[in-house]
Amino acid sequence: MIIYDKLWETMKEKGFSTYRLREQCGIDSKTIRRLRANENIETKTLDKLCQVLDCSLDQIATYIKN
């Protein structure tokens, strides 16, 4: 299972709100909801998040063995 708890920490550290993320990343509110619920998202979305937040994937997502 992949969880996105680190995304919210990284956003806070870098001064990003979900509104700013939607505006700068082009991510819609449905995808934000999916991230909050730790549901599947597209890899291109992860790429956009890393670019906009200037971070690596491990600062956004964590793999937890089921």
N, C-alpha and C. Protein backbone atom coordinates (compact mmCIF):
# COMPACT_ATOMS: atom_id res chain seq x y z
N MET A 1 0.84 -1.18 0.00
CA MET A 1 0.00 0.00 0.00
C MET A 1 0.89 1.24 0.00
N ILE A 2 0.51 2.20 -0.77
CA ILE A 2 1.23 3.47 -0.81
C ILE A 2 0.40 4.53 -0.11
N ILE A 3 1.04 5.24 0.81
CA ILE A 3 0.34 6.32 1.52
C ILE A 3 1.04 7.64 1.20
N TYR A 4 0.27 8.71 1.31
CA TYR A 4 0.76 10.04 0.93
C TYR A 4 0.86 10.99 2.12
N ASP A 5 1.03 10.46 3.32
CA ASP A 5 1.13 11.31 4.51
C ASP A 5 2.28 12.31 4.42
N LYS A 6 3.38 11.90 3.84
CA LYS A 6 4.54 12.80 3.73
C LYS A 6 4.27 13.98 2.80
N LEU A 7 3.34 13.81 1.87
CA LEU A 7 3.00 14.91 0.97
C LEU A 7 2.54 16.13 1.75
N TRP A 8 1.66 15.90 2.72
CA TRP A 8 1.09 17.02 3.49
C TRP A 8 2.16 17.69 4.34
N GLU A 9 3.11 16.90 4.87
CA GLU A 9 4.22 17.47 5.64
C GLU A 9 5.11 18.31 4.73
N THR A 10 5.42 17.79 3.55
CA THR A 10 6.27 18.50 2.59
C THR A 10 5.59 19.79 2.13
N MET A 11 4.30 19.72 1.87
CA MET A 11 3.57 20.92 1.47
C MET A 11 3.64 21.98 2.56
N LYS A 12 3.45 21.58 3.80
CA LYS A 12 3.50 22.53 4.92
C LYS A 12 4.88 23.16 5.03
N GLU A 13 5.92 22.34 4.94
CA GLU A 13 7.30 22.85 5.02
C GLU A 13 7.60 23.87 3.93
N LYS A 14 7.03 23.66 2.75
CA LYS A 14 7.32 24.52 1.60
C LYS A 14 6.28 25.62 1.40
N GLY A 15 5.31 25.71 2.32
CA GLY A 15 4.33 26.78 2.26
C GLY A 15 3.27 26.62 1.19
N PHE A 16 2.91 25.39 0.87
CA PHE A 16 1.90 25.11 -0.15
C PHE A 16 0.57 24.75 0.48
N SER A 17 -0.48 25.37 -0.01
CA SER A 17 -1.84 24.97 0.35
C SER A 17 -2.35 24.06 -0.77
N THR A 18 -3.47 23.39 -0.53
CA THR A 18 -4.04 22.57 -1.60
C THR A 18 -4.48 23.46 -2.76
N TYR A 19 -4.92 24.67 -2.46
CA TYR A 19 -5.30 25.61 -3.53
C TYR A 19 -4.10 25.93 -4.40
N ARG A 20 -2.99 26.28 -3.78
CA ARG A 20 -1.77 26.61 -4.54
C ARG A 20 -1.30 25.40 -5.35
N LEU A 21 -1.41 24.23 -4.76
CA LEU A 21 -1.02 23.00 -5.46
C LEU A 21 -1.89 22.78 -6.69
N ARG A 22 -3.19 23.00 -6.55
CA ARG A 22 -4.09 22.85 -7.69
C ARG A 22 -3.76 23.86 -8.78
N GLU A 23 -3.49 25.08 -8.40
CA GLU A 23 -3.20 26.13 -9.37
C GLU A 23 -1.87 25.90 -10.09
N GLN A 24 -0.82 25.60 -9.35
CA GLN A 24 0.51 25.48 -9.95
C GLN A 24 0.76 24.12 -10.60
N CYS A 25 0.04 23.11 -10.13
CA CYS A 25 0.29 21.75 -10.61
C CYS A 25 -0.78 21.29 -11.59
N GLY A 26 -1.90 21.99 -11.60
CA GLY A 26 -2.99 21.58 -12.47
C GLY A 26 -3.70 20.33 -11.98
N ILE A 27 -3.60 20.06 -10.70
CA ILE A 27 -4.25 18.89 -10.11
C ILE A 27 -5.66 19.28 -9.69
N ASP A 28 -6.63 18.47 -10.05
CA ASP A 28 -8.02 18.80 -9.70
C ASP A 28 -8.36 18.34 -8.28
N SER A 29 -9.49 18.81 -7.79
CA SER A 29 -9.90 18.50 -6.42
C SER A 29 -10.17 17.01 -6.23
N LYS A 30 -10.57 16.33 -7.28
CA LYS A 30 -10.79 14.88 -7.19
C LYS A 30 -9.47 14.16 -6.87
N THR A 31 -8.39 14.59 -7.50
CA THR A 31 -7.09 13.97 -7.24
C THR A 31 -6.61 14.29 -5.83
N ILE A 32 -6.84 15.51 -5.37
CA ILE A 32 -6.50 15.87 -3.99
C ILE A 32 -7.24 14.95 -3.03
N ARG A 33 -8.51 14.70 -3.30
CA ARG A 33 -9.31 13.81 -2.45
C ARG A 33 -8.71 12.40 -2.46
N ARG A 34 -8.30 11.94 -3.63
CA ARG A 34 -7.70 10.60 -3.75
C ARG A 34 -6.38 10.53 -2.97
N LEU A 35 -5.60 11.59 -3.01
CA LEU A 35 -4.35 11.63 -2.24
C LEU A 35 -4.64 11.56 -0.75
N ARG A 36 -5.62 12.32 -0.29
CA ARG A 36 -5.98 12.30 1.13
C ARG A 36 -6.46 10.93 1.59
N ALA A 37 -7.11 10.21 0.68
CA ALA A 37 -7.65 8.88 1.00
C ALA A 37 -6.64 7.76 0.69
N ASN A 38 -5.42 8.13 0.30
CA ASN A 38 -4.39 7.15 -0.06
C ASN A 38 -4.86 6.19 -1.14
N GLU A 39 -5.56 6.72 -2.12
CA GLU A 39 -6.03 5.92 -3.25
C GLU A 39 -5.05 6.07 -4.41
N ASN A 40 -5.24 5.24 -5.43
CA ASN A 40 -4.35 5.26 -6.60
C ASN A 40 -4.43 6.58 -7.34
N ILE A 41 -3.25 7.04 -7.79
CA ILE A 41 -3.17 8.21 -8.66
C ILE A 41 -2.20 7.86 -9.79
N GLU A 42 -2.20 8.67 -10.83
CA GLU A 42 -1.32 8.42 -11.97
C GLU A 42 0.11 8.82 -11.64
N THR A 43 1.06 8.13 -12.25
CA THR A 43 2.46 8.46 -12.02
C THR A 43 2.81 9.85 -12.55
N LYS A 44 2.11 10.31 -13.57
CA LYS A 44 2.40 11.66 -14.07
C LYS A 44 2.01 12.71 -13.02
N THR A 45 1.05 12.39 -12.17
CA THR A 45 0.68 13.29 -11.08
C THR A 45 1.80 13.34 -10.05
N LEU A 46 2.38 12.19 -9.73
CA LEU A 46 3.52 12.16 -8.81
C LEU A 46 4.68 12.97 -9.38
N ASP A 47 4.90 12.86 -10.67
CA ASP A 47 5.96 13.62 -11.33
C ASP A 47 5.71 15.12 -11.20
N LYS A 48 4.48 15.55 -11.44
CA LYS A 48 4.13 16.97 -11.31
C LYS A 48 4.35 17.45 -9.88
N LEU A 49 3.93 16.64 -8.91
CA LEU A 49 4.10 17.02 -7.51
C LEU A 49 5.57 17.21 -7.16
N CYS A 50 6.41 16.28 -7.60
CA CYS A 50 7.85 16.38 -7.34
C CYS A 50 8.44 17.64 -7.98
N GLN A 51 8.00 17.96 -9.19
CA GLN A 51 8.50 19.15 -9.88
C GLN A 51 8.09 20.42 -9.17
N VAL A 52 6.80 20.54 -8.87
CA VAL A 52 6.29 21.77 -8.26
C VAL A 52 6.81 21.97 -6.84
N LEU A 53 6.89 20.89 -6.08
CA LEU A 53 7.36 20.98 -4.70
C LEU A 53 8.89 20.92 -4.59
N ASP A 54 9.56 20.68 -5.73
CA ASP A 54 11.01 20.56 -5.76
C ASP A 54 11.49 19.57 -4.70
N CYS A 55 10.98 18.34 -4.82
CA CYS A 55 11.31 17.31 -3.85
C CYS A 55 11.42 15.96 -4.54
N SER A 56 11.83 14.96 -3.78
CA SER A 56 11.92 13.60 -4.32
C SER A 56 10.66 12.82 -3.94
N LEU A 57 10.47 11.70 -4.57
CA LEU A 57 9.28 10.89 -4.36
C LEU A 57 9.14 10.44 -2.91
N ASP A 58 10.26 10.17 -2.24
CA ASP A 58 10.18 9.72 -0.85
C ASP A 58 9.73 10.82 0.10
N GLN A 59 9.65 12.05 -0.38
CA GLN A 59 9.12 13.15 0.42
C GLN A 59 7.61 13.32 0.20
N ILE A 60 7.05 12.47 -0.65
CA ILE A 60 5.63 12.52 -0.97
C ILE A 60 4.91 11.24 -0.58
N ALA A 61 5.52 10.12 -0.89
CA ALA A 61 4.84 8.83 -0.71
C ALA A 61 5.70 7.85 0.07
N THR A 62 5.02 6.92 0.73
CA THR A 62 5.67 5.85 1.49
C THR A 62 5.00 4.53 1.15
N TYR A 63 5.82 3.51 0.94
CA TYR A 63 5.28 2.17 0.70
C TYR A 63 5.21 1.43 2.03
N ILE A 64 4.04 0.88 2.32
CA ILE A 64 3.84 0.07 3.52
C ILE A 64 3.39 -1.31 3.08
N LYS A 65 4.13 -2.30 3.52
CA LYS A 65 3.81 -3.69 3.17
C LYS A 65 2.51 -4.10 3.84
N ASN A 66 1.63 -4.73 3.08
CA ASN A 66 0.34 -5.17 3.62
C ASN A 66 0.50 -6.35 4.53
